[in-house]
N, C-alpha and C. Protein backbone atom coordinates (compact mmCIF):
# COMPACT_ATOMS: atom_id res chain seq x y z
N MET A 1 10.88 -7.76 17.57
CA MET A 1 11.40 -7.56 16.39
C MET A 1 10.76 -6.08 15.57
N ASP A 2 11.79 -6.28 14.67
CA ASP A 2 12.16 -5.31 13.79
C ASP A 2 10.76 -4.27 13.51
N ARG A 3 10.99 -2.88 13.54
CA ARG A 3 9.61 -2.15 13.42
C ARG A 3 8.97 -1.90 12.13
N TYR A 4 10.07 -1.68 11.35
CA TYR A 4 9.38 -2.01 9.44
C TYR A 4 9.28 -3.79 9.44
N LEU A 5 10.00 -4.68 9.71
CA LEU A 5 9.71 -6.01 9.18
C LEU A 5 8.17 -6.14 9.84
N LEU A 6 7.91 -5.48 10.99
CA LEU A 6 6.44 -5.77 11.65
C LEU A 6 5.57 -5.37 10.55
N ASN A 7 6.10 -4.24 10.15
CA ASN A 7 4.86 -3.68 9.22
C ASN A 7 4.80 -3.93 8.20
N GLN A 8 6.29 -4.81 7.20
CA GLN A 8 5.54 -4.87 6.01
C GLN A 8 4.82 -6.54 5.67
N ARG A 9 5.28 -6.83 7.25
CA ARG A 9 4.01 -8.11 7.25
C ARG A 9 3.08 -7.84 7.38
N MET A 10 2.82 -6.68 7.89
CA MET A 10 1.35 -6.14 8.09
C MET A 10 0.78 -5.67 6.82
N GLY A 11 1.52 -5.53 5.79
CA GLY A 11 1.18 -5.01 4.72
C GLY A 11 0.94 -3.42 4.43
N ARG A 12 1.39 -2.72 5.37
CA ARG A 12 1.73 -0.98 5.05
C ARG A 12 3.56 -1.32 5.17
N LYS A 13 3.52 0.14 4.76
CA LYS A 13 5.04 0.59 4.65
C LYS A 13 5.03 1.58 5.90
N VAL A 14 6.53 1.61 6.46
CA VAL A 14 6.37 2.51 7.92
C VAL A 14 6.69 4.45 7.15
N GLY A 15 5.82 5.11 7.30
CA GLY A 15 6.13 6.32 7.39
C GLY A 15 5.30 6.61 6.00
N THR A 16 4.22 5.76 5.72
CA THR A 16 3.25 6.09 4.82
C THR A 16 1.71 6.74 5.10
N ALA A 17 0.80 7.67 4.81
CA ALA A 17 -0.55 7.88 5.33
C ALA A 17 -1.71 6.77 5.08
N TYR A 18 -2.60 6.22 6.12
CA TYR A 18 -3.55 5.76 5.97
C TYR A 18 -4.92 5.81 5.70
N PHE A 19 -5.72 6.15 5.28
CA PHE A 19 -6.73 6.80 4.73
C PHE A 19 -7.86 5.57 5.56
N ASN A 20 -8.98 4.82 6.38
CA ASN A 20 -9.74 4.45 6.49
C ASN A 20 -10.96 5.10 5.78
N PRO A 21 -10.99 3.96 4.48
CA PRO A 21 -11.81 3.97 3.36
C PRO A 21 -13.55 4.48 3.71
N LYS A 22 -13.65 3.83 4.98
CA LYS A 22 -15.13 3.45 5.74
C LYS A 22 -15.22 4.42 6.23
N LYS A 23 -14.27 5.59 6.72
CA LYS A 23 -15.07 6.60 7.79
C LYS A 23 -15.49 7.70 6.41
N PHE A 24 -14.85 7.84 5.01
CA PHE A 24 -15.06 8.98 4.48
C PHE A 24 -16.17 8.21 3.70
N GLY A 25 -16.64 7.17 3.26
CA GLY A 25 -17.40 6.91 2.78
C GLY A 25 -18.49 7.41 2.19
N ALA A 26 -19.32 8.10 3.82
CA ALA A 26 -20.91 7.94 3.95
C ALA A 26 -20.78 9.72 3.38
N LEU A 27 -20.17 10.81 3.58
CA LEU A 27 -19.82 11.78 3.25
C LEU A 27 -20.35 11.56 1.55
N HIS A 28 -20.95 13.46 1.99
CA HIS A 28 -21.83 13.44 0.26
C HIS A 28 -20.61 14.63 -0.43
N LYS A 29 -20.08 14.02 -1.49
CA LYS A 29 -19.21 14.35 -2.28
C LYS A 29 -20.09 15.31 -3.61
N PRO A 30 -20.25 16.41 -3.46
CA PRO A 30 -20.91 16.59 -4.54
C PRO A 30 -20.44 17.35 -5.79
N CYS A 31 -19.11 17.51 -5.79
CA CYS A 31 -18.08 18.03 -6.76
C CYS A 31 -17.54 16.77 -7.81
N MET A 32 -17.51 15.26 -6.94
CA MET A 32 -17.03 14.45 -7.29
C MET A 32 -16.93 14.10 -8.88
N LYS A 33 -18.14 14.35 -9.77
CA LYS A 33 -18.47 13.71 -10.73
C LYS A 33 -17.65 14.69 -12.01
N ASP A 34 -17.73 15.81 -11.99
CA ASP A 34 -17.05 16.91 -12.00
C ASP A 34 -15.37 16.98 -12.14
N MET A 35 -15.04 16.41 -11.03
CA MET A 35 -13.61 16.73 -10.92
C MET A 35 -12.72 15.29 -11.89
N LEU A 36 -14.19 14.15 -11.36
CA LEU A 36 -13.47 13.12 -12.13
C LEU A 36 -13.01 13.62 -13.65
N ALA A 37 -14.21 14.28 -14.01
CA ALA A 37 -14.76 14.55 -15.59
C ALA A 37 -13.09 15.06 -15.84
N PHE A 38 -12.39 16.17 -15.43
CA PHE A 38 -11.68 17.03 -15.92
C PHE A 38 -10.14 16.33 -15.08
N LEU A 39 -10.63 15.61 -14.60
CA LEU A 39 -8.66 14.56 -14.25
C LEU A 39 -8.58 13.26 -15.32
N ASN A 40 -9.81 12.94 -15.71
CA ASN A 40 -9.49 12.21 -17.08
C ASN A 40 -9.41 12.84 -17.98
N CYS A 41 -9.97 14.58 -18.53
CA CYS A 41 -9.13 14.66 -19.62
C CYS A 41 -8.11 15.30 -19.58
N LEU A 42 -7.65 15.50 -18.29
CA LEU A 42 -6.01 16.40 -18.07
C LEU A 42 -5.13 14.59 -18.16
N ALA A 43 -5.71 13.55 -18.37
CA ALA A 43 -4.91 12.27 -18.24
C ALA A 43 -4.99 12.10 -19.77
N LEU A 44 -5.96 12.20 -20.28
CA LEU A 44 -6.41 11.96 -21.76
C LEU A 44 -5.32 12.80 -22.84
N ASN A 45 -5.16 13.87 -22.46
CA ASN A 45 -4.85 14.65 -23.43
C ASN A 45 -3.05 15.62 -22.62
N HIS A 46 -2.91 14.81 -22.33
CA HIS A 46 -1.59 14.75 -21.65
C HIS A 46 -0.95 16.32 -20.60
N ASN A 47 -2.12 16.04 -19.56
CA ASN A 47 -1.96 17.63 -18.66
C ASN A 47 -1.93 19.05 -19.71
N SER A 48 -2.94 18.87 -20.76
CA SER A 48 -2.99 19.87 -21.30
C SER A 48 -4.18 20.45 -20.84
N ASP A 49 -3.95 21.73 -20.15
CA ASP A 49 -5.03 22.49 -19.53
C ASP A 49 -6.29 22.93 -20.73
N ASP A 50 -5.33 23.70 -21.99
CA ASP A 50 -6.12 24.49 -22.75
C ASP A 50 -7.43 23.61 -23.70
N LYS A 51 -7.00 22.24 -23.57
CA LYS A 51 -8.09 21.34 -24.42
C LYS A 51 -9.07 21.09 -23.00
N CYS A 52 -8.69 21.29 -21.97
CA CYS A 52 -10.07 20.90 -20.85
C CYS A 52 -10.69 22.02 -20.34
N ALA A 53 -10.93 23.01 -21.15
CA ALA A 53 -11.15 23.91 -20.29
C ALA A 53 -13.11 24.39 -20.08
N ARG A 54 -13.72 23.69 -20.79
CA ARG A 54 -14.76 23.41 -20.39
C ARG A 54 -15.31 22.41 -19.15
N GLN A 55 -14.19 21.61 -18.83
CA GLN A 55 -14.47 20.61 -17.52
C GLN A 55 -14.02 21.52 -16.39
N LYS A 56 -12.89 22.44 -16.81
CA LYS A 56 -12.78 22.84 -15.81
C LYS A 56 -13.53 23.97 -15.14
N GLU A 57 -14.25 24.75 -16.03
CA GLU A 57 -14.94 25.36 -15.47
C GLU A 57 -15.90 25.33 -15.19
N LEU A 58 -16.20 23.74 -15.36
CA LEU A 58 -17.62 23.16 -15.09
C LEU A 58 -17.75 22.92 -13.15
N LEU A 59 -16.29 22.35 -13.09
CA LEU A 59 -15.71 21.96 -11.74
C LEU A 59 -15.81 23.64 -10.74
N GLY A 60 -14.95 24.65 -11.71
CA GLY A 60 -15.20 25.80 -10.72
C GLY A 60 -16.45 26.33 -10.34
N THR A 61 -17.59 26.38 -11.14
CA THR A 61 -18.57 27.16 -11.03
C THR A 61 -18.86 26.31 -9.97
N CYS A 62 -18.97 24.27 -9.75
CA CYS A 62 -19.27 23.64 -8.68
C CYS A 62 -19.26 23.94 -7.61
N MET A 63 -17.60 24.36 -7.38
CA MET A 63 -16.81 24.54 -6.03
C MET A 63 -17.64 25.68 -5.79
N ASP A 64 -17.60 26.84 -6.22
CA ASP A 64 -17.93 27.95 -6.32
C ASP A 64 -19.60 28.02 -5.23
N ALA A 65 -20.35 27.05 -6.03
CA ALA A 65 -21.45 26.93 -5.40
C ALA A 65 -21.75 26.07 -3.95
N GLN A 66 -20.70 25.55 -4.28
CA GLN A 66 -20.88 24.69 -2.32
C GLN A 66 -20.02 25.53 -1.40
N ARG A 67 -19.17 26.46 -2.11
CA ARG A 67 -18.71 27.34 -0.47
C ARG A 67 -19.37 28.50 -0.62
N ASN A 68 -20.62 28.71 -1.01
CA ASN A 68 -21.49 29.42 -0.44
C ASN A 68 -22.87 28.90 0.48
N LYS A 69 -23.27 27.60 0.60
CA LYS A 69 -23.48 27.01 0.79
C LYS A 69 -23.48 27.01 2.28
N ASN A 70 -24.47 26.62 3.15
CA ASN A 70 -24.00 26.39 4.75
C ASN A 70 -23.74 25.48 5.39
N ARG A 71 -22.89 24.86 5.55
CA ARG A 71 -22.59 23.46 5.91
C ARG A 71 -22.72 23.41 6.99
N LYS A 72 -22.96 22.20 7.58
CA LYS A 72 -23.46 21.39 8.92
C LYS A 72 -22.37 21.69 10.00
N SER A 73 -22.48 21.95 10.50
CA SER A 73 -21.20 21.87 11.80
C SER A 73 -21.32 20.29 12.69
N MET A 74 -19.68 19.69 12.49
CA MET A 74 -19.31 18.85 12.97
C MET A 74 -19.62 18.94 14.66
N GLY A 75 -19.82 20.08 15.21
CA GLY A 75 -19.80 20.31 16.90
C GLY A 75 -18.68 20.74 17.53
N SER A 76 -18.51 21.21 18.71
CA SER A 76 -17.29 21.60 19.32
C SER A 76 -16.53 20.53 19.70
N ILE A 77 -15.41 21.16 20.10
CA ILE A 77 -14.81 20.15 20.24
C ILE A 77 -14.89 19.75 21.77
N ASN A 78 -15.61 20.01 22.81
CA ASN A 78 -16.34 19.93 24.12
C ASN A 78 -16.81 19.26 23.67
N TYR A 79 -17.86 18.88 22.58
CA TYR A 79 -18.94 17.96 22.47
C TYR A 79 -18.04 16.38 22.20
N HIS A 80 -16.76 16.61 21.27
CA HIS A 80 -16.49 14.97 21.18
C HIS A 80 -15.53 14.83 22.19
N LEU A 81 -15.24 15.66 22.69
CA LEU A 81 -14.05 14.95 23.94
C LEU A 81 -15.02 14.61 24.73
N GLN A 82 -16.25 15.10 25.18
CA GLN A 82 -17.46 14.05 26.04
C GLN A 82 -17.69 12.62 25.11
N ARG A 83 -18.26 12.67 24.32
CA ARG A 83 -18.54 11.63 23.87
C ARG A 83 -17.30 10.97 23.59
N LEU A 84 -16.18 10.90 23.61
CA LEU A 84 -14.86 10.49 23.99
C LEU A 84 -14.73 9.68 25.38
N SER A 85 -14.95 10.37 25.95
CA SER A 85 -14.78 10.06 27.37
C SER A 85 -15.95 9.34 27.59
N ARG A 86 -17.18 9.27 26.97
CA ARG A 86 -17.91 8.28 27.18
C ARG A 86 -18.18 7.14 27.17
N GLY A 87 -16.99 6.51 26.09
CA GLY A 87 -16.88 5.16 26.03
C GLY A 87 -15.89 4.77 26.58
N ARG A 88 -15.44 5.57 27.52
CA ARG A 88 -14.13 5.15 28.03
C ARG A 88 -14.51 4.73 29.72
N LYS A 89 -16.19 4.69 29.75
CA LYS A 89 -16.25 4.62 31.44
C LYS A 89 -16.60 2.83 31.18
């Protein structure tokens, strides 16, 4: 069967990116509220950046504060390779 028809039947188009929402649902998103406020302001003001200076400033300070924090390491590549190989036994 044609790959295009198979993917259309399954609900996804060929060549589009797919992100599993469950995978990223548990991540902590500290600046999400500020980013949504800035994007909503842009949408309401027809992408006029001058009218959204306050939201832009708040988002910038939030992002700068996150940059300075130490982030928890996701582990080395060797750890992930060992974890994946354990599941195949």
